[in-house]
Structure formats: C-alpha cells, structure tokens
Amino acid sequence: MKKALVIISTALFLSTFTSFASAAPGNAPIQSVTNSNKTAYETDPGDISILDAEVLPPARHTGTSAYTGEFTAVPKNGTRLNVYVKNSGSKTVYMDLKRNGFYYEANIPIPAGGQKTVTITGGWSSGDWHVYIYSPERDRMDIQVSARQY
C-alpha cells in the first residue's frame, strides 16, 4: 500500500512539473503597447494557469450582429484581467470595453485573421465589465472571445 502511494505521489509530482515546464515561454516574440491606463495589447493569449478565474467562458460568435458579453471581476481572483479575441473573419472587427458602465477602451482593432489580448492590471481589473465587438460595415464576423482574471 505504501509503495503504491509513493508511486502515485511521484506520478502526480512529475505531471505537475511537466506542465510547468511546458508552460515556459516560447521563442515567439510578443508585440505589445502600453498606455497610461496600464492596458497592454498582445498578440499571444499567454499561459493559462489553474489559478485563473475564467470570468467570461470561451465563446464563438458568427454572423453580422455585434457580440456582447458581460462579466464581473472581483479582487479575490487577482489584479490582472485578460480579454482575448481571435478574429477568424475576413474583415477587421473592433472591440469596446466598458467598466462599471463607463468606456475603458474603445475601437480596439482586431485585424482579419488576427488575435488580440487586452491586459488590464491593478485596481482597474475589478468591476462589472461589458465587452462589445462589432464590424462597422456589418460584415460577417467569426470571432472567439474569452476573459480570465488572475
């Protein structure tokens, strides 16, 4: 029994170690821009941890109507918030983010075939968030959206 417990414990330890090793950053560069609101735009969605709170579960949206999503970020989940959008459509789409009813960022472009992660840090991360993604010409969209807090 003790030997089986040691084997199971070792297997769990090695699988945990392997997952941390595989989460090491790759060689692909990440392009980012930071403004005064401590918002970073990245081309890579970043690593996902078991400690992340998935505040907006992954969703796929297709069609000509705008996407709307709402979630609440709370301090106990962390001080960083990532909103991720992948645009698989053929035209640029734009994202507006509202926090507690006020615009936080507006008209964030996500090019056709591209992806963008908006990272919000510090005290700005908690609150009631509204994500609005649209095509100004009402072109057909094919997007994937999610948000996580850590």
C-alpha atoms as a PDB file:
ATOM      1  CA  MET A   1       0.000   0.000   0.000  1.00  0.00           C
ATOM      2  CA  LYS A   2       2.803   2.385   0.938  1.00  0.00           C
ATOM      3  CA  LYS A   3       4.650   1.589  -2.299  1.00  0.00           C
ATOM      4  CA  ALA A   4       1.504   2.329  -4.348  1.00  0.00           C
ATOM      5  CA  LEU A   5       1.081   5.641  -2.528  1.00  0.00           C
ATOM      6  CA  VAL A   6       4.702   6.598  -3.292  1.00  0.00           C
ATOM      7  CA  ILE A   7       4.237   5.702  -6.975  1.00  0.00           C
ATOM      8  CA  ILE A   8       1.019   7.727  -7.244  1.00  0.00           C
ATOM      9  CA  SER A   9       2.597  10.702  -5.443  1.00  0.00           C
ATOM     10  CA  THR A  10       5.637  10.577  -7.718  1.00  0.00           C
ATOM     11  CA  ALA A  11       3.453  10.410 -10.832  1.00  0.00           C
ATOM     12  CA  LEU A  12       1.424  13.423  -9.685  1.00  0.00           C
ATOM     13  CA  PHE A  13       4.586  15.375  -8.880  1.00  0.00           C
ATOM     14  CA  LEU A  14       6.129  14.601 -12.280  1.00  0.00           C
ATOM     15  CA  SER A  15       2.952  15.517 -14.173  1.00  0.00           C
ATOM     16  CA  THR A  16       2.796  18.836 -12.299  1.00  0.00           C
ATOM     17  CA  PHE A  17       6.470  19.504 -13.014  1.00  0.00           C
ATOM     18  CA  THR A  18       5.973  18.626 -16.694  1.00  0.00           C
ATOM     19  CA  SER A  19       3.024  21.012 -17.038  1.00  0.00           C
ATOM     20  CA  PHE A  20       5.051  23.849 -15.511  1.00  0.00           C
ATOM     21  CA  ALA A  21       7.964  23.081 -17.823  1.00  0.00           C
ATOM     22  CA  SER A  22       5.712  23.042 -20.873  1.00  0.00           C
ATOM     23  CA  ALA A  23       4.262  26.422 -19.847  1.00  0.00           C
ATOM     24  CA  ALA A  24       7.669  28.078 -20.206  1.00  0.00           C
ATOM     25  CA  PRO A  25       7.593  30.981 -22.654  1.00  0.00           C
ATOM     26  CA  GLY A  26       8.381  30.086 -26.254  1.00  0.00           C
ATOM     27  CA  ASN A  27      10.692  31.833 -28.649  1.00  0.00           C
ATOM     28  CA  ALA A  28       7.902  33.716 -30.427  1.00  0.00           C
ATOM     29  CA  PRO A  29       8.083  37.437 -29.705  1.00  0.00           C
ATOM     30  CA  ILE A  30       5.077  39.180 -28.231  1.00  0.00           C
ATOM     31  CA  GLN A  31       4.255  42.616 -29.584  1.00  0.00           C
ATOM     32  CA  SER A  32       2.698  44.907 -27.025  1.00  0.00           C
ATOM     33  CA  VAL A  33       1.858  48.540 -26.452  1.00  0.00           C
ATOM     34  CA  THR A  34       1.052  50.042 -23.073  1.00  0.00           C
ATOM     35  CA  ASN A  35      -0.856  53.267 -22.480  1.00  0.00           C
ATOM     36  CA  SER A  36      -1.470  55.334 -19.352  1.00  0.00           C
ATOM     37  CA  ASN A  37      -4.357  53.081 -18.258  1.00  0.00           C
ATOM     38  CA  LYS A  38      -1.945  50.155 -17.876  1.00  0.00           C
ATOM     39  CA  THR A  39      -3.544  48.292 -20.761  1.00  0.00           C
ATOM     40  CA  ALA A  40      -1.351  46.001 -22.842  1.00  0.00           C
ATOM     41  CA  TYR A  41      -2.268  44.633 -26.238  1.00  0.00           C
ATOM     42  CA  GLU A  42      -0.611  41.333 -27.022  1.00  0.00           C
ATOM     43  CA  THR A  43      -0.677  39.017 -29.996  1.00  0.00           C
ATOM     44  CA  ASP A  44      -0.322  35.946 -27.764  1.00  0.00           C
ATOM     45  CA  PRO A  45      -3.069  34.926 -25.314  1.00  0.00           C
ATOM     46  CA  GLY A  46      -0.456  33.949 -22.717  1.00  0.00           C
ATOM     47  CA  ASP A  47      -0.217  30.925 -20.493  1.00  0.00           C
ATOM     48  CA  ILE A  48      -3.240  29.679 -18.619  1.00  0.00           C
ATOM     49  CA  SER A  49      -2.892  28.649 -15.011  1.00  0.00           C
ATOM     50  CA  ILE A  50      -5.120  26.538 -12.799  1.00  0.00           C
ATOM     51  CA  LEU A  51      -5.304  29.615 -10.565  1.00  0.00           C
ATOM     52  CA  ASP A  52      -7.022  31.698 -13.260  1.00  0.00           C
ATOM     53  CA  ALA A  53     -10.683  32.574 -12.880  1.00  0.00           C
ATOM     54  CA  GLU A  54     -12.471  32.184 -16.200  1.00  0.00           C
ATOM     55  CA  VAL A  55     -14.767  35.216 -15.903  1.00  0.00           C
ATOM     56  CA  LEU A  56     -16.019  35.048 -19.494  1.00  0.00           C
ATOM     57  CA  PRO A  57     -16.057  31.447 -20.741  1.00  0.00           C
ATOM     58  CA  PRO A  58     -14.764  30.893 -24.292  1.00  0.00           C
ATOM     59  CA  ALA A  59     -17.465  31.639 -26.842  1.00  0.00           C
ATOM     60  CA  ARG A  60     -17.615  31.634 -30.638  1.00  0.00           C
ATOM     61  CA  HIS A  61     -19.756  34.219 -32.389  1.00  0.00           C
ATOM     62  CA  THR A  62     -20.606  34.231 -36.098  1.00  0.00           C
ATOM     63  CA  GLY A  63     -22.860  36.460 -38.147  1.00  0.00           C
ATOM     64  CA  THR A  64     -23.356  40.147 -38.859  1.00  0.00           C
ATOM     65  CA  SER A  65     -24.728  41.182 -35.469  1.00  0.00           C
ATOM     66  CA  ALA A  66     -22.417  42.510 -32.774  1.00  0.00           C
ATOM     67  CA  TYR A  67     -21.150  40.318 -29.935  1.00  0.00           C
ATOM     68  CA  THR A  68     -21.939  41.386 -26.384  1.00  0.00           C
ATOM     69  CA  GLY A  69     -20.597  39.753 -23.253  1.00  0.00           C
ATOM     70  CA  GLU A  70     -20.731  40.744 -19.612  1.00  0.00           C
ATOM     71  CA  PHE A  71     -18.868  39.543 -16.542  1.00  0.00           C
ATOM     72  CA  THR A  72     -17.827  40.666 -13.079  1.00  0.00           C
ATOM     73  CA  ALA A  73     -14.200  40.641 -11.966  1.00  0.00           C
ATOM     74  CA  VAL A  74     -13.628  40.581  -8.202  1.00  0.00           C
ATOM     75  CA  PRO A  75     -10.445  41.372  -6.229  1.00  0.00           C
ATOM     76  CA  LYS A  76     -10.174  37.863  -4.731  1.00  0.00           C
ATOM     77  CA  ASN A  77      -9.451  36.472  -8.225  1.00  0.00           C
ATOM     78  CA  GLY A  78      -6.384  38.667  -8.735  1.00  0.00           C
ATOM     79  CA  THR A  79      -5.296  42.042 -10.068  1.00  0.00           C
ATOM     80  CA  ARG A  80      -4.800  41.128 -13.732  1.00  0.00           C
ATOM     81  CA  LEU A  81      -7.532  40.677 -16.304  1.00  0.00           C
ATOM     82  CA  ASN A  82      -7.087  39.358 -19.850  1.00  0.00           C
ATOM     83  CA  VAL A  83      -9.753  39.784 -22.523  1.00  0.00           C
ATOM     84  CA  TYR A  84      -8.859  37.641 -25.554  1.00  0.00           C
ATOM     85  CA  VAL A  85     -10.358  37.904 -29.037  1.00  0.00           C
ATOM     86  CA  LYS A  86      -9.466  35.858 -32.119  1.00  0.00           C
ATOM     87  CA  ASN A  87     -10.834  37.129 -35.419  1.00  0.00           C
ATOM     88  CA  SER A  88     -11.204  34.309 -37.956  1.00  0.00           C
ATOM     89  CA  GLY A  89     -13.277  36.511 -40.257  1.00  0.00           C
ATOM     90  CA  SER A  90     -12.205  38.269 -43.450  1.00  0.00           C
ATOM     91  CA  LYS A  91     -12.556  41.875 -42.177  1.00  0.00           C
ATOM     92  CA  THR A  92     -11.226  43.880 -39.241  1.00  0.00           C
ATOM     93  CA  VAL A  93     -13.524  43.972 -36.212  1.00  0.00           C
ATOM     94  CA  TYR A  94     -13.443  46.419 -33.296  1.00  0.00           C
ATOM     95  CA  MET A  95     -13.818  45.929 -29.558  1.00  0.00           C
ATOM     96  CA  ASP A  96     -15.172  48.313 -26.925  1.00  0.00           C
ATOM     97  CA  LEU A  97     -14.646  47.622 -23.232  1.00  0.00           C
ATOM     98  CA  LYS A  98     -16.760  49.224 -20.526  1.00  0.00           C
ATOM     99  CA  ARG A  99     -16.096  49.033 -16.793  1.00  0.00           C
ATOM    100  CA  ASN A 100     -18.914  49.867 -14.391  1.00  0.00           C
ATOM    101  CA  GLY A 101     -20.871  51.483 -17.232  1.00  0.00           C
ATOM    102  CA  PHE A 102     -18.058  53.763 -18.468  1.00  0.00           C
ATOM    103  CA  TYR A 103     -15.845  53.270 -21.515  1.00  0.00           C
ATOM    104  CA  TYR A 104     -12.463  51.881 -20.540  1.00  0.00           C
ATOM    105  CA  GLU A 105     -11.165  51.409 -24.102  1.00  0.00           C
ATOM    106  CA  ALA A 106     -12.979  51.914 -27.393  1.00  0.00           C
ATOM    107  CA  ASN A 107     -12.439  50.995 -31.038  1.00  0.00           C
ATOM    108  CA  ILE A 108      -9.669  48.460 -30.426  1.00  0.00           C
ATOM    109  CA  PRO A 109      -8.972  46.973 -33.893  1.00  0.00           C
ATOM    110  CA  ILE A 110      -8.580  43.222 -34.354  1.00  0.00           C
ATOM    111  CA  PRO A 111      -7.447  42.562 -37.938  1.00  0.00           C
ATOM    112  CA  ALA A 112      -8.785  39.745 -40.098  1.00  0.00           C
ATOM    113  CA  GLY A 113      -7.028  36.514 -39.171  1.00  0.00           C
ATOM    114  CA  GLY A 114      -5.513  38.150 -36.090  1.00  0.00           C
ATOM    115  CA  GLN A 115      -5.914  37.925 -32.362  1.00  0.00           C
ATOM    116  CA  LYS A 116      -5.579  40.364 -29.518  1.00  0.00           C
ATOM    117  CA  THR A 117      -5.329  40.130 -25.750  1.00  0.00           C
ATOM    118  CA  VAL A 118      -6.132  43.230 -23.729  1.00  0.00           C
ATOM    119  CA  THR A 119      -4.457  43.017 -20.320  1.00  0.00           C
ATOM    120  CA  ILE A 120      -5.726  45.252 -17.538  1.00  0.00           C
ATOM    121  CA  THR A 121      -3.707  45.465 -14.324  1.00  0.00           C
ATOM    122  CA  GLY A 122      -4.067  46.839 -10.833  1.00  0.00           C
ATOM    123  CA  GLY A 123      -7.239  48.258  -9.324  1.00  0.00           C
ATOM    124  CA  TRP A 124      -8.727  48.710 -12.785  1.00  0.00           C
ATOM    125  CA  SER A 125      -9.311  44.970 -13.170  1.00  0.00           C
ATOM    126  CA  SER A 126     -12.220  44.533 -10.744  1.00  0.00           C
ATOM    127  CA  GLY A 127     -15.741  45.660 -11.564  1.00  0.00           C
ATOM    128  CA  ASP A 128     -18.610  44.938 -13.912  1.00  0.00           C
ATOM    129  CA  TRP A 129     -17.297  44.597 -17.464  1.00  0.00           C
ATOM    130  CA  HIS A 130     -19.093  44.770 -20.786  1.00  0.00           C
ATOM    131  CA  VAL A 131     -17.401  43.526 -23.992  1.00  0.00           C
ATOM    132  CA  TYR A 132     -18.819  44.725 -27.312  1.00  0.00           C
ATOM    133  CA  ILE A 133     -17.301  43.524 -30.613  1.00  0.00           C
ATOM    134  CA  TYR A 134     -18.624  44.770 -33.922  1.00  0.00           C
ATOM    135  CA  SER A 135     -17.978  45.331 -37.609  1.00  0.00           C
ATOM    136  CA  PRO A 136     -18.703  48.952 -38.647  1.00  0.00           C
ATOM    137  CA  GLU A 137     -19.916  47.795 -42.083  1.00  0.00           C
ATOM    138  CA  ARG A 138     -21.877  44.877 -40.562  1.00  0.00           C
ATOM    139  CA  ASP A 139     -19.639  42.375 -42.350  1.00  0.00           C
ATOM    140  CA  ARG A 140     -19.953  38.734 -41.370  1.00  0.00           C
ATOM    141  CA  MET A 141     -17.871  38.060 -38.260  1.00  0.00           C
ATOM    142  CA  ASP A 142     -16.301  34.854 -36.986  1.00  0.00           C
ATOM    143  CA  ILE A 143     -14.737  35.538 -33.594  1.00  0.00           C
ATOM    144  CA  GLN A 144     -13.753  33.706 -30.437  1.00  0.00           C
ATOM    145  CA  VAL A 145     -13.885  35.613 -27.144  1.00  0.00           C
ATOM    146  CA  SER A 146     -12.871  34.822 -23.572  1.00  0.00           C
ATOM    147  CA  ALA A 147     -11.694  36.590 -20.422  1.00  0.00           C
ATOM    148  CA  ARG A 148      -9.746  35.407 -17.413  1.00  0.00           C
ATOM    149  CA  GLN A 149      -8.619  37.010 -14.192  1.00  0.00           C
ATOM    150  CA  TYR A 150      -5.553  36.063 -12.183  1.00  0.00           C
END
